């Protein structure tokens, strides 16, 4: 910030992660790739993990490959897979300073029609996967004796339910509480643990198979008047991983265009002038 005459000139902060190795799960597409790309653009060495081989390869290619990019197929539901990914990432890029537990799924089924297999698949990916990713990354940070940053990706669904998403909403509520407890436990190691809770984010159809009716209805409740983008979420993650958020831990940052402020779509409750 600087003064030029009487005008106040402000300059947005520039994130610099040139000395950081950053790990992102679910990085093959959508929000995960947006986060990985943002860190890469800020100078970081980035480890991309995803259970889908082809999207992961495309993501790594989009970043240009090279010594600053490491990609490995992995399954966040499986402990050996997660541990192997974190260890391989450190061998390739150096000690992990930032870990983003992003991988998640969100099928839709009313409770009366939901089978146990679908419930378990959501919980294993969205909750167990976050636990395993955060634990593996935190263990390496503690072993290395250096401060670190962990960011989980929760959702507005943790606070606001919707039909057909009982398993998804429950899983994201679990991620929020897990984040808070982990933040308390890791504070003595100077490892910040926070969460970003996206609202509706417009991504490619492969990862976001929503109907036009759903999108149109949902956007009526967004004061900002548009869907979010992966970059919107990535910028919040970069902030939480930066020195600017050094005194923040155990927090959930909503990035939703004002959706959580209230019921935007309602008309005035009384006639104007009264």
Protein backbone atom coordinates (compact mmCIF):
# COMPACT_ATOMS: atom_id res chain seq x y z
CA UNK A 1 0.00 0.00 0.00
CA UNK A 2 1.40 3.43 -0.95
CA UNK A 3 0.24 7.04 -1.10
CA UNK A 4 0.55 9.08 -4.30
CA UNK A 5 -0.56 12.63 -3.55
CA UNK A 6 -4.00 12.41 -2.01
CA UNK A 7 -4.91 9.15 -3.70
CA UNK A 8 -4.59 5.89 -1.83
CA UNK A 9 -3.18 3.17 -4.08
CA UNK A 10 -3.66 -0.44 -3.01
CA UNK A 11 -1.90 -3.43 -4.51
CA UNK A 12 -3.20 -6.96 -3.99
CA UNK A 13 -0.83 -9.37 -2.25
CA UNK A 14 1.24 -11.61 -4.49
CA UNK A 15 1.60 -15.16 -3.26
CA UNK A 16 5.08 -16.62 -3.54
CA UNK A 17 5.53 -20.35 -2.97
CA UNK A 18 8.83 -20.68 -4.81
CA UNK A 19 10.48 -22.52 -1.90
CA UNK A 20 7.51 -24.81 -1.18
CA UNK A 21 6.55 -28.36 -2.13
CA UNK A 22 2.76 -28.63 -2.26
CA UNK A 23 0.66 -31.80 -2.36
CA UNK A 24 -2.89 -31.85 -3.77
CA UNK A 25 -5.25 -34.84 -3.93
CA UNK A 26 -8.02 -35.10 -6.49
CA UNK A 27 -5.86 -32.92 -8.73
CA UNK A 28 -6.79 -34.46 -12.05
CA UNK A 29 -9.56 -31.97 -12.83
CA UNK A 30 -12.00 -29.46 -11.38
CA UNK A 31 -11.23 -27.68 -8.12
CA UNK A 32 -8.23 -29.91 -7.41
CA UNK A 33 -6.51 -29.03 -10.67
CA UNK A 34 -7.37 -25.35 -10.17
CA UNK A 35 -5.62 -25.46 -6.79
CA UNK A 36 -2.58 -27.27 -8.18
CA UNK A 37 -2.30 -24.83 -11.08
CA UNK A 38 -2.55 -21.80 -8.77
CA UNK A 39 0.27 -23.10 -6.59
CA UNK A 40 2.34 -23.93 -9.67
CA UNK A 41 1.79 -20.43 -11.05
CA UNK A 42 2.93 -19.06 -7.67
CA UNK A 43 6.24 -20.88 -8.05
CA UNK A 44 5.61 -24.04 -6.03
CA UNK A 45 6.76 -27.55 -6.77
CA UNK A 46 3.48 -29.47 -7.00
CA UNK A 47 2.59 -33.11 -6.38
CA UNK A 48 -0.66 -34.14 -8.07
CA UNK A 49 -2.55 -37.22 -6.89
CA UNK A 50 -5.71 -38.71 -8.38
CA UNK A 51 -7.33 -42.14 -8.68
CA UNK A 52 -8.01 -41.52 -12.40
CA UNK A 53 -4.92 -42.07 -14.55
CA UNK A 54 -5.94 -40.24 -17.73
CA UNK A 55 -7.17 -37.00 -16.13
CA UNK A 56 -4.06 -37.01 -13.94
CA UNK A 57 -1.77 -37.30 -16.98
CA UNK A 58 -3.62 -34.48 -18.73
CA UNK A 59 -3.32 -32.31 -15.62
CA UNK A 60 0.42 -32.88 -15.36
CA UNK A 61 0.83 -32.17 -19.08
CA UNK A 62 -1.12 -28.90 -18.73
CA UNK A 63 1.40 -27.78 -16.12
CA UNK A 64 4.22 -28.56 -18.51
CA UNK A 65 5.76 -31.40 -16.53
CA UNK A 66 9.38 -30.80 -15.64
CA UNK A 67 11.09 -30.97 -12.27
CA UNK A 68 8.43 -28.84 -10.56
CA UNK A 69 5.62 -31.34 -11.23
CA UNK A 70 5.17 -34.82 -9.80
CA UNK A 71 2.08 -36.92 -10.56
CA UNK A 72 1.08 -40.32 -9.22
CA UNK A 73 -2.15 -42.28 -9.35
CA UNK A 74 -3.37 -43.02 -5.85
CA UNK A 75 -6.53 -43.87 -3.96
CA UNK A 76 -7.23 -41.74 -0.89
CA UNK A 77 -9.28 -44.59 0.59
CA UNK A 78 -6.25 -46.88 0.85
CA UNK A 79 -3.60 -46.24 3.53
CA UNK A 80 -0.64 -47.73 1.61
CA UNK A 81 -1.60 -45.72 -1.48
CA UNK A 82 -1.74 -42.45 0.43
CA UNK A 83 1.47 -43.09 2.35
CA UNK A 84 3.25 -44.13 -0.83
CA UNK A 85 2.12 -40.98 -2.62
CA UNK A 86 3.33 -38.66 0.14
CA UNK A 87 6.69 -40.42 0.42
CA UNK A 88 7.20 -40.45 -3.36
CA UNK A 89 6.26 -36.78 -3.58
CA UNK A 90 8.89 -35.90 -0.99
CA UNK A 91 11.54 -37.89 -2.83
CA UNK A 92 10.71 -36.05 -6.03
CA UNK A 93 10.10 -32.52 -4.73
CA UNK A 94 11.57 -32.26 -1.25
CA UNK A 95 9.83 -31.93 2.13
CA UNK A 96 6.11 -31.21 1.86
CA UNK A 97 5.27 -27.80 3.28
CA UNK A 98 1.62 -27.61 2.17
CA UNK A 99 -0.96 -30.39 1.80
CA UNK A 100 -4.44 -29.93 0.34
CA UNK A 101 -6.93 -32.75 1.00
CA UNK A 102 -9.30 -32.09 -1.88
CA UNK A 103 -10.39 -35.48 -3.26
CA UNK A 104 -14.11 -36.09 -2.89
CA UNK A 105 -17.20 -37.46 -4.62
CA UNK A 106 -20.84 -36.40 -4.55
CA UNK A 107 -23.39 -38.83 -6.00
CA UNK A 108 -27.08 -38.21 -5.38
CA UNK A 109 -29.58 -40.67 -3.92
CA UNK A 110 -32.57 -40.17 -1.62
CA UNK A 111 -32.03 -41.99 1.67
CA UNK A 112 -34.87 -44.47 1.05
CA UNK A 113 -33.25 -45.49 -2.25
CA UNK A 114 -29.60 -45.34 -1.14
CA UNK A 115 -27.73 -48.62 -0.82
CA UNK A 116 -25.06 -49.23 1.77
CA UNK A 117 -22.35 -49.46 -0.87
CA UNK A 118 -22.96 -45.89 -2.03
CA UNK A 119 -23.02 -44.55 1.54
CA UNK A 120 -19.75 -46.34 2.30
CA UNK A 121 -18.10 -45.13 -0.92
CA UNK A 122 -18.83 -41.49 -0.05
CA UNK A 123 -17.67 -41.85 3.54
CA UNK A 124 -14.53 -43.74 2.58
CA UNK A 125 -13.55 -41.15 -0.02
CA UNK A 126 -14.66 -37.92 1.64
CA UNK A 127 -13.89 -38.70 5.29
CA UNK A 128 -11.44 -41.58 5.44
CA UNK A 129 -9.57 -40.06 2.49
CA UNK A 130 -9.18 -36.69 4.21
CA UNK A 131 -8.06 -38.40 7.42
CA UNK A 132 -5.44 -40.53 5.66
CA UNK A 133 -4.13 -37.64 3.55
CA UNK A 134 -3.86 -35.22 6.45
CA UNK A 135 -2.31 -37.80 8.77
CA UNK A 136 0.33 -38.85 6.24
CA UNK A 137 1.27 -35.26 5.41
CA UNK A 138 1.30 -34.18 9.07
CA UNK A 139 3.52 -37.09 10.05
CA UNK A 140 6.08 -36.02 7.47
CA UNK A 141 5.91 -32.38 8.58
CA UNK A 142 6.43 -33.36 12.21
CA UNK A 143 9.26 -35.74 11.31
CA UNK A 144 10.95 -33.00 9.31
CA UNK A 145 10.61 -30.60 12.25
CA UNK A 146 9.27 -27.75 10.15
CA UNK A 147 6.02 -25.74 10.29
CA UNK A 148 3.45 -26.59 7.67
CA UNK A 149 0.02 -25.83 6.27
CA UNK A 150 -2.83 -28.29 5.78
CA UNK A 151 -6.04 -27.28 4.01
CA UNK A 152 -9.09 -29.51 3.73
CA UNK A 153 -11.87 -28.91 1.22
CA UNK A 154 -15.24 -29.16 2.92
CA UNK A 155 -18.43 -27.62 1.50
CA UNK A 156 -21.38 -25.39 2.23
CA UNK A 157 -23.18 -28.72 2.39
CA UNK A 158 -21.62 -29.21 5.83
CA UNK A 159 -23.95 -26.49 7.14
CA UNK A 160 -26.89 -26.65 4.74
CA UNK A 161 -28.45 -29.93 3.68
CA UNK A 162 -30.19 -30.75 0.43
CA UNK A 163 -32.36 -33.66 -0.75
CA UNK A 164 -30.45 -36.57 -2.23
CA UNK A 165 -27.18 -35.70 -0.52
CA UNK A 166 -27.45 -37.08 3.01
CA UNK A 167 -24.18 -38.97 2.67
CA UNK A 168 -22.35 -36.06 1.04
CA UNK A 169 -23.58 -33.49 3.56
CA UNK A 170 -22.75 -35.77 6.48
CA UNK A 171 -19.27 -36.43 5.09
CA UNK A 172 -18.49 -32.73 4.71
CA UNK A 173 -19.74 -31.98 8.22
CA UNK A 174 -17.31 -34.66 9.41
CA UNK A 175 -14.49 -32.98 7.48
CA UNK A 176 -15.20 -29.69 9.27
CA UNK A 177 -14.99 -31.22 12.74
CA UNK A 178 -11.97 -33.31 11.83
CA UNK A 179 -10.23 -30.13 10.65
CA UNK A 180 -10.91 -28.36 13.94
CA UNK A 181 -9.66 -31.21 16.11
CA UNK A 182 -6.57 -31.74 13.97
CA UNK A 183 -5.81 -28.02 14.22
CA UNK A 184 -5.81 -28.26 18.00
CA UNK A 185 -3.55 -31.30 18.00
CA UNK A 186 -1.02 -29.91 15.53
CA UNK A 187 -0.78 -26.37 16.90
CA UNK A 188 2.20 -27.25 19.08
CA UNK A 189 4.03 -28.34 15.93
CA UNK A 190 3.16 -25.00 14.29
CA UNK A 191 1.13 -26.72 11.60
CA UNK A 192 -1.92 -24.70 10.60
CA UNK A 193 -5.01 -26.71 9.66
CA UNK A 194 -7.93 -24.90 8.03
CA UNK A 195 -10.75 -25.68 5.63
CA UNK A 196 -12.23 -24.01 2.57
CA UNK A 197 -15.97 -24.55 2.08
CA UNK A 198 -16.91 -23.91 -1.55
CA UNK A 199 -20.40 -23.08 -2.67
CA UNK A 200 -21.51 -24.13 -6.14
CA UNK A 201 -18.48 -24.23 -8.44
CA UNK A 202 -18.82 -24.59 -12.19
CA UNK A 203 -16.39 -27.22 -13.45
CA UNK A 204 -16.27 -29.61 -16.40
CA UNK A 205 -19.21 -31.95 -16.94
CA UNK A 206 -17.15 -35.04 -16.08
CA UNK A 207 -16.74 -33.97 -12.48
CA UNK A 208 -19.95 -31.97 -12.09
CA UNK A 209 -22.91 -33.80 -13.68
CA UNK A 210 -25.62 -31.39 -12.53
CA UNK A 211 -28.86 -30.55 -14.32
CA UNK A 212 -29.61 -27.15 -15.80
CA UNK A 213 -32.66 -26.86 -13.53
CA UNK A 214 -30.52 -27.45 -10.43
CA UNK A 215 -27.94 -24.87 -11.50
CA UNK A 216 -30.52 -22.21 -12.39
CA UNK A 217 -32.43 -22.68 -9.14
CA UNK A 218 -29.27 -22.68 -7.03
CA UNK A 219 -27.86 -19.51 -8.61
CA UNK A 220 -30.97 -17.58 -7.57
CA UNK A 221 -29.61 -17.79 -4.03
CA UNK A 222 -26.13 -16.47 -4.84
CA UNK A 223 -25.86 -12.71 -4.16
CA UNK A 224 -22.80 -12.43 -6.41
CA UNK A 225 -24.95 -13.67 -9.27
CA UNK A 226 -22.66 -16.33 -10.70
CA UNK A 227 -21.23 -19.75 -10.03
CA UNK A 228 -17.81 -20.03 -8.47
CA UNK A 229 -14.73 -21.10 -10.38
CA UNK A 230 -11.84 -23.36 -9.37
CA UNK A 231 -9.67 -20.23 -9.23
CA UNK A 232 -12.01 -18.66 -6.65
CA UNK A 233 -11.42 -21.65 -4.40
CA UNK A 234 -7.71 -21.84 -5.18
CA UNK A 235 -7.13 -18.23 -4.14
CA UNK A 236 -8.62 -18.93 -0.72
CA UNK A 237 -6.45 -22.02 -0.35
CA UNK A 238 -3.32 -20.07 -1.28
CA UNK A 239 -4.19 -17.45 1.32
CA UNK A 240 -4.58 -20.08 4.05
CA UNK A 241 -1.28 -21.64 3.02
CA UNK A 242 0.53 -18.30 3.05
CA UNK A 243 2.23 -16.39 5.89
CA UNK A 244 -0.75 -14.00 5.83
CA UNK A 245 -2.81 -16.68 7.62
CA UNK A 246 -0.17 -17.61 10.21
CA UNK A 247 -2.54 -16.92 13.13
CA UNK A 248 -5.48 -18.79 11.60
CA UNK A 249 -6.06 -22.43 12.44
CA UNK A 250 -9.16 -24.58 12.88
CA UNK A 251 -11.18 -22.19 10.72
CA UNK A 252 -13.64 -22.82 7.90
CA UNK A 253 -13.57 -20.19 5.16
CA UNK A 254 -16.73 -20.08 3.04
CA UNK A 255 -16.20 -19.15 -0.61
CA UNK A 256 -19.68 -19.04 -2.08
CA UNK A 257 -20.52 -15.60 -3.48
CA UNK A 258 -22.52 -14.72 -0.38
CA UNK A 259 -24.79 -17.76 -0.34
CA UNK A 260 -24.35 -18.30 3.38
CA UNK A 261 -25.38 -14.71 4.13
CA UNK A 262 -29.06 -15.56 3.83
CA UNK A 263 -32.00 -16.23 1.49
CA UNK A 264 -31.21 -13.85 -1.35
CA UNK A 265 -34.02 -15.06 -3.61
CA UNK A 266 -36.84 -13.93 -1.28
CA UNK A 267 -38.78 -10.72 -2.11
CA UNK A 268 -39.33 -7.93 0.43
CA UNK A 269 -41.67 -9.15 3.18
CA UNK A 270 -43.71 -5.92 3.30
CA UNK A 271 -44.65 -3.35 0.64
CA UNK A 272 -42.10 -0.64 -0.06
CA UNK A 273 -42.46 2.52 2.03
CA UNK A 274 -43.87 0.82 5.10
